C-alpha atoms as a PDB file:
ATOM      1  CA  MET A   1     -23.185 261.340  22.409  1.00  0.00           C
ATOM      2  CA  ASN A   2     -24.136 257.850  21.195  1.00  0.00           C
ATOM      3  CA  VAL A   3     -27.142 258.209  18.887  1.00  0.00           C
ATOM      4  CA  HIS A   4     -28.250 254.613  19.489  1.00  0.00           C
ATOM      5  CA  HIS A   5     -28.344 255.299  23.232  1.00  0.00           C
ATOM      6  CA  LEU A   6     -30.509 258.342  22.511  1.00  0.00           C
ATOM      7  CA  GLU A   7     -32.848 256.224  20.411  1.00  0.00           C
ATOM      8  CA  LEU A   8     -33.280 253.699  23.227  1.00  0.00           C
ATOM      9  CA  PHE A   9     -33.957 256.468  25.728  1.00  0.00           C
ATOM     10  CA  TYR A  10     -36.524 257.942  23.307  1.00  0.00           C
ATOM     11  CA  TYR A  11     -38.507 254.672  23.293  1.00  0.00           C
ATOM     12  CA  VAL A  12     -38.233 254.303  27.075  1.00  0.00           C
ATOM     13  CA  ALA A  13     -39.504 257.851  27.620  1.00  0.00           C
ATOM     14  CA  LYS A  14     -42.196 257.607  24.952  1.00  0.00           C
ATOM     15  CA  HIS A  15     -43.669 254.335  26.219  1.00  0.00           C
ATOM     16  CA  GLY A  16     -43.180 254.850  29.948  1.00  0.00           C
ATOM     17  CA  GLY A  17     -40.575 252.298  30.909  1.00  0.00           C
ATOM     18  CA  ILE A  18     -38.020 249.783  29.704  1.00  0.00           C
ATOM     19  CA  SER A  19     -40.445 246.835  29.490  1.00  0.00           C
ATOM     20  CA  GLU A  20     -42.859 248.851  27.365  1.00  0.00           C
ATOM     21  CA  ALA A  21     -39.973 250.072  25.201  1.00  0.00           C
ATOM     22  CA  VAL A  22     -38.970 246.458  24.459  1.00  0.00           C
ATOM     23  CA  ARG A  23     -42.504 245.686  23.248  1.00  0.00           C
ATOM     24  CA  ASN A  24     -42.581 248.706  20.941  1.00  0.00           C
ATOM     25  CA  MET A  25     -39.076 248.761  19.487  1.00  0.00           C
ATOM     26  CA  PRO A  26     -38.994 248.437  15.671  1.00  0.00           C
ATOM     27  CA  TYR A  27     -36.323 245.732  16.023  1.00  0.00           C
ATOM     28  CA  GLY A  28     -35.447 242.997  18.489  1.00  0.00           C
ATOM     29  CA  ILE A  29     -33.576 243.973  21.639  1.00  0.00           C
ATOM     30  CA  GLN A  30     -33.806 242.520  25.121  1.00  0.00           C
ATOM     31  CA  GLN A  31     -34.596 244.412  28.320  1.00  0.00           C
ATOM     32  CA  PRO A  32     -31.095 244.066  29.895  1.00  0.00           C
ATOM     33  CA  ALA A  33     -29.509 245.524  26.740  1.00  0.00           C
ATOM     34  CA  ILE A  34     -31.749 248.594  26.823  1.00  0.00           C
ATOM     35  CA  SER A  35     -31.207 249.066  30.546  1.00  0.00           C
ATOM     36  CA  GLY A  36     -27.433 248.791  30.230  1.00  0.00           C
ATOM     37  CA  GLN A  37     -27.153 251.210  27.319  1.00  0.00           C
ATOM     38  CA  VAL A  38     -29.418 253.799  28.919  1.00  0.00           C
ATOM     39  CA  ILE A  39     -27.239 253.602  32.045  1.00  0.00           C
ATOM     40  CA  GLN A  40     -24.227 254.311  29.811  1.00  0.00           C
ATOM     41  CA  LEU A  41     -26.040 257.375  28.482  1.00  0.00           C
ATOM     42  CA  GLU A  42     -26.755 258.571  32.020  1.00  0.00           C
ATOM     43  CA  GLU A  43     -23.110 258.051  32.992  1.00  0.00           C
ATOM     44  CA  PHE A  44     -21.981 260.016  29.943  1.00  0.00           C
ATOM     45  CA  LEU A  45     -24.325 262.891  30.822  1.00  0.00           C
ATOM     46  CA  GLY A  46     -23.725 262.667  34.558  1.00  0.00           C
ATOM     47  CA  ALA A  47     -27.464 262.813  35.187  1.00  0.00           C
ATOM     48  CA  THR A  48     -30.325 260.461  36.039  1.00  0.00           C
ATOM     49  CA  LEU A  49     -32.859 260.607  33.204  1.00  0.00           C
ATOM     50  CA  PHE A  50     -35.791 258.808  34.814  1.00  0.00           C
ATOM     51  CA  HIS A  51     -36.935 257.076  37.980  1.00  0.00           C
ATOM     52  CA  ARG A  52     -37.543 253.355  37.515  1.00  0.00           C
ATOM     53  CA  ARG A  53     -40.341 252.558  40.010  1.00  0.00           C
ATOM     54  CA  PRO A  54     -42.709 254.153  39.421  1.00  0.00           C
ATOM     55  CA  PHE A  55     -41.535 255.421  36.065  1.00  0.00           C
ATOM     56  CA  ALA A  56     -41.128 259.183  35.811  1.00  0.00           C
ATOM     57  CA  LEU A  57     -38.784 261.389  33.820  1.00  0.00           C
ATOM     58  CA  THR A  58     -36.478 263.609  35.828  1.00  0.00           C
ATOM     59  CA  PRO A  59     -36.247 267.298  34.808  1.00  0.00           C
ATOM     60  CA  GLN A  60     -33.036 266.456  32.907  1.00  0.00           C
ATOM     61  CA  GLY A  61     -34.754 263.487  31.268  1.00  0.00           C
ATOM     62  CA  LYS A  62     -37.701 265.629  30.191  1.00  0.00           C
ATOM     63  CA  ASP A  63     -35.376 268.235  28.690  1.00  0.00           C
ATOM     64  CA  LEU A  64     -33.506 265.586  26.718  1.00  0.00           C
ATOM     65  CA  TYR A  65     -36.707 263.861  25.566  1.00  0.00           C
ATOM     66  CA  ASP A  66     -38.252 267.140  24.400  1.00  0.00           C
ATOM     67  CA  PHE A  67     -35.061 267.842  22.440  1.00  0.00           C
ATOM     68  CA  ILE A  68     -34.767 264.460  20.645  1.00  0.00           C
ATOM     69  CA  LYS A  69     -38.480 263.700  20.236  1.00  0.00           C
ATOM     70  CA  PRO A  70     -39.074 265.696  17.000  1.00  0.00           C
ATOM     71  CA  PHE A  71     -36.137 263.962  15.311  1.00  0.00           C
ATOM     72  CA  PHE A  72     -37.121 260.368  16.183  1.00  0.00           C
ATOM     73  CA  ASP A  73     -40.844 261.075  15.690  1.00  0.00           C
ATOM     74  CA  ASN A  74     -40.148 262.076  12.105  1.00  0.00           C
ATOM     75  CA  LEU A  75     -37.659 259.387  11.089  1.00  0.00           C
ATOM     76  CA  THR A  76     -40.268 256.963   9.742  1.00  0.00           C
ATOM     77  CA  PRO A  77     -42.317 259.636   7.917  1.00  0.00           C
ATOM     78  CA  MET A  78     -39.105 260.963   6.356  1.00  0.00           C
ATOM     79  CA  ALA A  79     -38.100 257.477   5.218  1.00  0.00           C
ATOM     80  CA  GLU A  80     -41.547 257.023   3.682  1.00  0.00           C
ATOM     81  CA  LYS A  81     -41.274 260.390   1.939  1.00  0.00           C
ATOM     82  CA  LEU A  82     -37.907 259.501   0.455  1.00  0.00           C
ATOM     83  CA  ARG A  83     -39.338 256.192  -0.776  1.00  0.00           C
ATOM     84  CA  GLY A  84     -42.092 258.108  -2.526  1.00  0.00           C
ATOM     85  CA  GLY A  85     -44.816 257.227  -0.061  1.00  0.00           C
ATOM     86  CA  VAL A  86     -45.298 254.451   2.452  1.00  0.00           C
ATOM     87  CA  SER A  87     -42.837 251.579   2.739  1.00  0.00           C
ATOM     88  CA  GLN A  88     -43.044 249.613  -0.495  1.00  0.00           C
ATOM     89  CA  HIS A  89     -41.795 246.270   0.806  1.00  0.00           C
ATOM     90  CA  LEU A  90     -43.507 243.819   3.159  1.00  0.00           C
ATOM     91  CA  ARG A  91     -41.909 240.550   4.301  1.00  0.00           C
ATOM     92  CA  ILE A  92     -44.385 237.891   5.469  1.00  0.00           C
ATOM     93  CA  ALA A  93     -43.831 234.374   6.799  1.00  0.00           C
ATOM     94  CA  ALA A  94     -46.646 231.836   6.928  1.00  0.00           C
ATOM     95  CA  ALA A  95     -47.372 228.125   6.859  1.00  0.00           C
ATOM     96  CA  GLU A  96     -47.768 226.707   3.361  1.00  0.00           C
ATOM     97  CA  THR A  97     -51.541 226.327   3.834  1.00  0.00           C
ATOM     98  CA  ALA A  98     -51.902 230.002   4.691  1.00  0.00           C
ATOM     99  CA  LEU A  99     -49.621 230.972   1.805  1.00  0.00           C
ATOM    100  CA  ARG A 100     -51.725 228.986  -0.631  1.00  0.00           C
ATOM    101  CA  ASN A 101     -55.280 229.367   0.652  1.00  0.00           C
ATOM    102  CA  PHE A 102     -55.459 232.416   2.928  1.00  0.00           C
ATOM    103  CA  LEU A 103     -53.001 235.110   1.870  1.00  0.00           C
ATOM    104  CA  PRO A 104     -53.661 235.441  -1.905  1.00  0.00           C
ATOM    105  CA  LYS A 105     -57.056 237.063  -1.387  1.00  0.00           C
ATOM    106  CA  VAL A 106     -55.682 239.210   1.462  1.00  0.00           C
ATOM    107  CA  LEU A 107     -52.729 240.468  -0.577  1.00  0.00           C
ATOM    108  CA  GLN A 108     -54.884 241.124  -3.612  1.00  0.00           C
ATOM    109  CA  GLU A 109     -57.043 243.452  -1.554  1.00  0.00           C
ATOM    110  CA  LEU A 110     -53.985 245.080   0.041  1.00  0.00           C
ATOM    111  CA  ARG A 111     -52.418 245.774  -3.369  1.00  0.00           C
ATOM    112  CA  GLN A 112     -55.528 247.695  -4.389  1.00  0.00           C
ATOM    113  CA  LYS A 113     -54.657 250.170  -1.638  1.00  0.00           C
ATOM    114  CA  PHE A 114     -50.893 250.112  -2.265  1.00  0.00           C
ATOM    115  CA  PRO A 115     -50.329 249.388  -5.981  1.00  0.00           C
ATOM    116  CA  LYS A 116     -46.515 249.698  -5.777  1.00  0.00           C
ATOM    117  CA  LEU A 117     -46.207 247.319  -2.860  1.00  0.00           C
ATOM    118  CA  LYS A 118     -43.549 244.602  -3.124  1.00  0.00           C
ATOM    119  CA  VAL A 119     -44.249 241.481  -1.055  1.00  0.00           C
ATOM    120  CA  THR A 120     -41.769 238.772  -0.064  1.00  0.00           C
ATOM    121  CA  LEU A 121     -43.371 235.529   1.118  1.00  0.00           C
ATOM    122  CA  ARG A 122     -41.515 232.922   3.137  1.00  0.00           C
ATOM    123  CA  GLU A 123     -42.722 229.544   4.344  1.00  0.00           C
ATOM    124  CA  GLY A 124     -42.216 229.004   8.058  1.00  0.00           C
ATOM    125  CA  TYR A 125     -43.753 227.695  11.253  1.00  0.00           C
ATOM    126  CA  HIS A 126     -43.783 228.592  14.921  1.00  0.00           C
ATOM    127  CA  PRO A 127     -41.261 228.866  16.615  1.00  0.00           C
ATOM    128  CA  GLN A 128     -39.070 229.371  13.529  1.00  0.00           C
ATOM    129  CA  VAL A 129     -40.927 232.540  12.560  1.00  0.00           C
ATOM    130  CA  VAL A 130     -40.323 233.999  16.034  1.00  0.00           C
ATOM    131  CA  THR A 131     -36.578 233.741  15.448  1.00  0.00           C
ATOM    132  CA  TRP A 132     -36.959 235.462  12.086  1.00  0.00           C
ATOM    133  CA  LEU A 133     -38.914 238.287  13.714  1.00  0.00           C
ATOM    134  CA  LEU A 134     -36.288 238.808  16.417  1.00  0.00           C
ATOM    135  CA  GLN A 135     -33.579 238.825  13.750  1.00  0.00           C
ATOM    136  CA  GLN A 136     -35.608 241.318  11.658  1.00  0.00           C
ATOM    137  CA  GLU A 137     -35.712 238.965   8.689  1.00  0.00           C
ATOM    138  CA  ILE A 138     -39.501 239.326   8.353  1.00  0.00           C
ATOM    139  CA  ASP A 139     -42.062 241.991   9.267  1.00  0.00           C
ATOM    140  CA  LEU A 140     -44.843 239.656  10.416  1.00  0.00           C
ATOM    141  CA  SER A 141     -46.087 236.096  10.319  1.00  0.00           C
ATOM    142  CA  VAL A 142     -49.527 234.554   9.845  1.00  0.00           C
ATOM    143  CA  GLY A 143     -50.285 231.117  11.238  1.00  0.00           C
ATOM    144  CA  LEU A 144     -50.645 229.092  14.411  1.00  0.00           C
ATOM    145  CA  LEU A 145     -49.517 230.769  17.624  1.00  0.00           C
ATOM    146  CA  GLY A 146     -47.608 228.814  20.239  1.00  0.00           C
ATOM    147  CA  GLY A 147     -47.808 230.189  23.777  1.00  0.00           C
ATOM    148  CA  LYS A 148     -46.709 233.598  24.976  1.00  0.00           C
ATOM    149  CA  PRO A 149     -44.331 235.312  22.512  1.00  0.00           C
ATOM    150  CA  PRO A 150     -40.933 236.560  23.735  1.00  0.00           C
ATOM    151  CA  ALA A 151     -40.305 240.184  24.667  1.00  0.00           C
ATOM    152  CA  GLY A 152     -40.364 242.380  21.597  1.00  0.00           C
ATOM    153  CA  VAL A 153     -42.813 240.181  19.662  1.00  0.00           C
ATOM    154  CA  ASN A 154     -46.525 240.997  19.669  1.00  0.00           C
ATOM    155  CA  ALA A 155     -49.424 238.655  18.931  1.00  0.00           C
ATOM    156  CA  ILE A 156     -52.999 239.091  17.734  1.00  0.00           C
ATOM    157  CA  PRO A 157     -55.133 235.917  18.120  1.00  0.00           C
ATOM    158  CA  LEU A 158     -57.757 235.684  15.368  1.00  0.00           C
ATOM    159  CA  PHE A 159     -59.609 232.408  15.897  1.00  0.00           C
ATOM    160  CA  LYS A 160     -59.188 228.907  17.300  1.00  0.00           C
ATOM    161  CA  LEU A 161     -58.958 225.699  15.302  1.00  0.00           C
ATOM    162  CA  PRO A 162     -60.030 222.267  16.621  1.00  0.00           C
ATOM    163  CA  LEU A 163     -57.727 219.265  16.406  1.00  0.00           C
ATOM    164  CA  VAL A 164     -58.877 216.381  14.227  1.00  0.00           C
ATOM    165  CA  LEU A 165     -57.649 212.881  13.485  1.00  0.00           C
ATOM    166  CA  LEU A 166     -57.286 211.839   9.856  1.00  0.00           C
ATOM    167  CA  VAL A 167     -57.754 208.168   9.037  1.00  0.00           C
ATOM    168  CA  PRO A 168     -58.013 206.280   5.731  1.00  0.00           C
ATOM    169  CA  LYS A 169     -61.534 206.174   4.277  1.00  0.00           C
ATOM    170  CA  ALA A 170     -61.387 202.378   4.387  1.00  0.00           C
ATOM    171  CA  SER A 171     -60.847 202.352   8.150  1.00  0.00           C
ATOM    172  CA  ARG A 172     -63.594 200.822  10.309  1.00  0.00           C
ATOM    173  CA  LEU A 173     -62.925 203.388  13.021  1.00  0.00           C
ATOM    174  CA  LYS A 174     -66.054 205.402  13.835  1.00  0.00           C
ATOM    175  CA  SER A 175     -64.587 207.778  16.438  1.00  0.00           C
ATOM    176  CA  ALA A 176     -61.244 208.672  17.977  1.00  0.00           C
ATOM    177  CA  GLU A 177     -62.596 207.537  21.338  1.00  0.00           C
ATOM    178  CA  GLU A 178     -62.361 203.935  20.147  1.00  0.00           C
ATOM    179  CA  LEU A 179     -58.566 204.324  20.016  1.00  0.00           C
ATOM    180  CA  TRP A 180     -58.321 205.436  23.643  1.00  0.00           C
ATOM    181  CA  GLN A 181     -60.028 202.215  24.750  1.00  0.00           C
ATOM    182  CA  ARG A 182     -57.325 200.030  23.231  1.00  0.00           C
ATOM    183  CA  ASP A 183     -54.479 198.547  25.233  1.00  0.00           C
ATOM    184  CA  ARG A 184     -52.114 199.559  22.470  1.00  0.00           C
ATOM    185  CA  ILE A 185     -52.542 201.632  19.308  1.00  0.00           C
ATOM    186  CA  GLU A 186     -50.871 199.755  16.475  1.00  0.00           C
ATOM    187  CA  GLU A 187     -51.290 202.349  13.700  1.00  0.00           C
ATOM    188  CA  ALA A 188     -48.380 204.714  13.087  1.00  0.00           C
ATOM    189  CA  LEU A 189     -49.006 208.295  14.188  1.00  0.00           C
ATOM    190  CA  ILE A 190     -48.262 210.899  11.510  1.00  0.00           C
ATOM    191  CA  THR A 191     -47.603 214.368  12.915  1.00  0.00           C
ATOM    192  CA  VAL A 192     -45.949 217.709  12.370  1.00  0.00           C
ATOM    193  CA  PRO A 193     -42.722 218.403  14.347  1.00  0.00           C
ATOM    194  CA  SER A 194     -42.825 218.265  18.147  1.00  0.00           C
ATOM    195  CA  ASN A 195     -42.215 222.002  18.646  1.00  0.00           C
ATOM    196  CA  GLU A 196     -45.378 222.999  16.768  1.00  0.00           C
ATOM    197  CA  PRO A 197     -48.655 223.910  18.552  1.00  0.00           C
ATOM    198  CA  ILE A 198     -50.659 221.095  16.930  1.00  0.00           C
ATOM    199  CA  ARG A 199     -48.312 218.393  18.174  1.00  0.00           C
ATOM    200  CA  ARG A 200     -48.046 219.848  21.691  1.00  0.00           C
ATOM    201  CA  ALA A 201     -51.818 220.208  22.070  1.00  0.00           C
ATOM    202  CA  PHE A 202     -52.351 216.634  20.864  1.00  0.00           C
ATOM    203  CA  GLN A 203     -49.751 215.133  23.194  1.00  0.00           C
ATOM    204  CA  ASP A 204     -51.211 217.112  26.113  1.00  0.00           C
ATOM    205  CA  GLY A 205     -54.611 215.596  25.315  1.00  0.00           C
ATOM    206  CA  LEU A 206     -53.167 212.089  25.186  1.00  0.00           C
ATOM    207  CA  THR A 207     -51.413 212.620  28.512  1.00  0.00           C
ATOM    208  CA  LYS A 208     -54.706 213.650  30.161  1.00  0.00           C
ATOM    209  CA  ARG A 209     -56.233 210.405  28.887  1.00  0.00           C
ATOM    210  CA  LYS A 210     -53.180 208.373  29.965  1.00  0.00           C
ATOM    211  CA  VAL A 211     -52.702 207.183  26.395  1.00  0.00           C
ATOM    212  CA  ASP A 212     -49.270 206.434  24.963  1.00  0.00           C
ATOM    213  CA  TRP A 213     -49.076 207.096  21.231  1.00  0.00           C
ATOM    214  CA  PHE A 214     -45.926 208.650  19.878  1.00  0.00           C
ATOM    215  CA  SER A 215     -45.058 209.947  16.453  1.00  0.00           C
ATOM    216  CA  GLY A 216     -44.062 207.274  13.940  1.00  0.00           C
ATOM    217  CA  ILE A 217     -43.751 209.600  10.942  1.00  0.00           C
ATOM    218  CA  GLU A 218     -42.920 213.290  11.308  1.00  0.00           C
ATOM    219  CA  VAL A 219     -43.697 215.546   8.344  1.00  0.00           C
ATOM    220  CA  SER A 220     -43.215 219.231   7.707  1.00  0.00           C
ATOM    221  CA  SER A 221     -46.796 220.420   7.153  1.00  0.00           C
ATOM    222  CA  VAL A 222     -50.473 219.665   7.761  1.00  0.00           C
ATOM    223  CA  GLU A 223     -50.954 218.989   4.045  1.00  0.00           C
ATOM    224  CA  MET A 224     -48.237 216.345   4.172  1.00  0.00           C
ATOM    225  CA  VAL A 225     -50.037 214.716   7.110  1.00  0.00           C
ATOM    226  CA  GLN A 226     -53.078 213.927   5.008  1.00  0.00           C
ATOM    227  CA  THR A 227     -50.913 212.934   2.020  1.00  0.00           C
ATOM    228  CA  TYR A 228     -49.290 210.180   4.071  1.00  0.00           C
ATOM    229  CA  VAL A 229     -52.590 209.132   5.656  1.00  0.00           C
ATOM    230  CA  ALA A 230     -54.108 208.843   2.180  1.00  0.00           C
ATOM    231  CA  SER A 231     -51.160 206.672   1.144  1.00  0.00           C
ATOM    232  CA  GLY A 232     -51.891 204.249   3.989  1.00  0.00           C
ATOM    233  CA  TYR A 233     -48.951 204.993   6.284  1.00  0.00           C
ATOM    234  CA  GLY A 234     -51.065 205.451   9.406  1.00  0.00           C
ATOM    235  CA  PHE A 235     -53.332 207.944  11.195  1.00  0.00           C
ATOM    236  CA  GLY A 236     -52.553 211.641  11.302  1.00  0.00           C
ATOM    237  CA  VAL A 237     -53.278 214.524  13.640  1.00  0.00           C
ATOM    238  CA  THR A 238     -53.947 217.975  12.222  1.00  0.00           C
ATOM    239  CA  VAL A 239     -56.430 220.854  12.557  1.00  0.00           C
ATOM    240  CA  HIS A 240     -59.746 221.453  10.865  1.00  0.00           C
ATOM    241  CA  LEU A 241     -58.918 224.210   8.380  1.00  0.00           C
ATOM    242  CA  PRO A 242     -61.952 225.626   6.550  1.00  0.00           C
ATOM    243  CA  THR A 243     -59.769 226.372   3.493  1.00  0.00           C
ATOM    244  CA  LEU A 244     -58.043 222.963   3.305  1.00  0.00           C
ATOM    245  CA  LYS A 245     -59.638 220.515   0.854  1.00  0.00           C
ATOM    246  CA  LEU A 246     -59.812 217.023   2.284  1.00  0.00           C
ATOM    247  CA  ASN A 247     -58.229 214.218   0.264  1.00  0.00           C
ATOM    248  CA  PRO A 248     -60.987 211.864  -1.000  1.00  0.00           C
ATOM    249  CA  LYS A 249     -59.097 208.866   0.433  1.00  0.00           C
ATOM    250  CA  VAL A 250     -59.184 210.347   3.947  1.00  0.00           C
ATOM    251  CA  MET A 251     -61.894 210.952   6.528  1.00  0.00           C
ATOM    252  CA  ARG A 252     -61.836 213.305   9.487  1.00  0.00           C
ATOM    253  CA  LEU A 253     -62.640 212.283  13.083  1.00  0.00           C
ATOM    254  CA  ALA A 254     -63.234 214.859  15.817  1.00  0.00           C
ATOM    255  CA  LEU A 255     -60.880 214.925  18.794  1.00  0.00           C
ATOM    256  CA  GLU A 256     -63.401 215.744  21.500  1.00  0.00           C
ATOM    257  CA  GLY A 257     -61.981 217.335  24.631  1.00  0.00           C
ATOM    258  CA  PHE A 258     -58.594 218.200  23.133  1.00  0.00           C
ATOM    259  CA  ASP A 259     -57.441 221.815  23.408  1.00  0.00           C
ATOM    260  CA  GLU A 260     -57.833 223.935  20.295  1.00  0.00           C
ATOM    261  CA  VAL A 261     -54.908 225.819  18.756  1.00  0.00           C
ATOM    262  CA  THR A 262     -54.917 229.522  17.947  1.00  0.00           C
ATOM    263  CA  PHE A 263     -54.472 231.072  14.508  1.00  0.00           C
ATOM    264  CA  GLY A 264     -53.187 234.640  14.496  1.00  0.00           C
ATOM    265  CA  ILE A 265     -50.545 237.229  13.625  1.00  0.00           C
ATOM    266  CA  LEU A 266     -47.099 237.851  15.083  1.00  0.00           C
ATOM    267  CA  TRP A 267     -45.232 241.075  14.476  1.00  0.00           C
ATOM    268  CA  GLN A 268     -42.539 243.272  15.939  1.00  0.00           C
ATOM    269  CA  GLY A 269     -42.124 247.012  16.362  1.00  0.00           C
ATOM    270  CA  GLN A 270     -44.276 249.801  15.042  1.00  0.00           C
ATOM    271  CA  ARG A 271     -47.244 249.201  12.773  1.00  0.00           C
ATOM    272  CA  THR A 272     -46.763 251.152   9.553  1.00  0.00           C
ATOM    273  CA  SER A 273     -49.741 252.234   7.475  1.00  0.00           C
ATOM    274  CA  VAL A 274     -49.221 249.215   5.183  1.00  0.00           C
ATOM    275  CA  ILE A 275     -49.110 246.775   8.101  1.00  0.00           C
ATOM    276  CA  GLU A 276     -52.117 248.458   9.701  1.00  0.00           C
ATOM    277  CA  ALA A 277     -54.105 248.045   6.482  1.00  0.00           C
ATOM    278  CA  LEU A 278     -52.949 244.426   6.181  1.00  0.00           C
ATOM    279  CA  PHE A 279     -54.085 243.684   9.743  1.00  0.00           C
ATOM    280  CA  GLN A 280     -57.536 245.078   9.038  1.00  0.00           C
ATOM    281  CA  ILE A 281     -57.904 242.940   5.908  1.00  0.00           C
ATOM    282  CA  ILE A 282     -56.613 239.813   7.668  1.00  0.00           C
ATOM    283  CA  GLU A 283     -58.957 240.299  10.631  1.00  0.00           C
ATOM    284  CA  GLN A 284     -61.924 240.827   8.312  1.00  0.00           C
ATOM    285  CA  THR A 285     -61.046 237.759   6.233  1.00  0.00           C
ATOM    286  CA  ALA A 286     -60.434 235.651   9.352  1.00  0.00           C
ATOM    287  CA  ARG A 287     -63.929 236.399  10.676  1.00  0.00           C
ATOM    288  CA  GLY A 288     -65.318 234.666   7.609  1.00  0.00           C
ATOM    289  CA  LEU A 289     -63.060 231.633   8.109  1.00  0.00           C
ATOM    290  CA  SER A 290     -63.530 231.109  11.833  1.00  0.00           C
ATOM    291  CA  PRO A 291     -64.980 227.629  12.466  1.00  0.00           C
ATOM    292  CA  GLY A 292     -66.968 229.090  15.333  1.00  0.00           C
END
């Protein structure tokens, strides 16, 4: 009997269906793959293990689930026991601003609870971090969320951040609204890449106002946006981050009526005791940072 097929059936039975199994698997796997491999298990056994709609285990499925459940239930605890306690390694991806200004305090508090914890930090942005999660290269990410995550990836929104326009301190501009009244905006637009939530939300806002203003300089991070604005290369769009110190050569203008972007956590699979503790610390810290 294929042990991997048994594992997939275990998650289907435990969570009450294939869709729910996908959302709770400890690694990335798509719904058709689970469905196909469970069908192979049923063909091997010559028995239907569960009814699909509505979900219900058959008598044979219940017998098999009762038999394999103790083994799969205890795999993670056994791994933790062999490691000498809980998992001692946590892999986190985050934007450079979060890595520098948000996570140090969070990880310091987490290490007080898990002194032997090893942490690997990786700089990344949505949707890049989603790919890393699906490929099991990281355990979670902290940063801006971009739309509904794919199957197998879970999201916890923490707070929303307003979009702002950064302009040089010497600019005579008093509000962003003055730009929308122009026939043409001459200043170069400095933005993060087009697949990031900030850029999409900004372009959506421009479209609603029937304003054409496309990126003239594309940079990799929100900190680089204000660096180039301060150097006189143009105007930049970013978010109002409570932890981000504003360059003295730059001033911030509100973007009234533009959609806010959401800051939160992405993760995949089961929440270990370390991840659970990390989530609690992050949520508590985020409440103190929320602009609202």
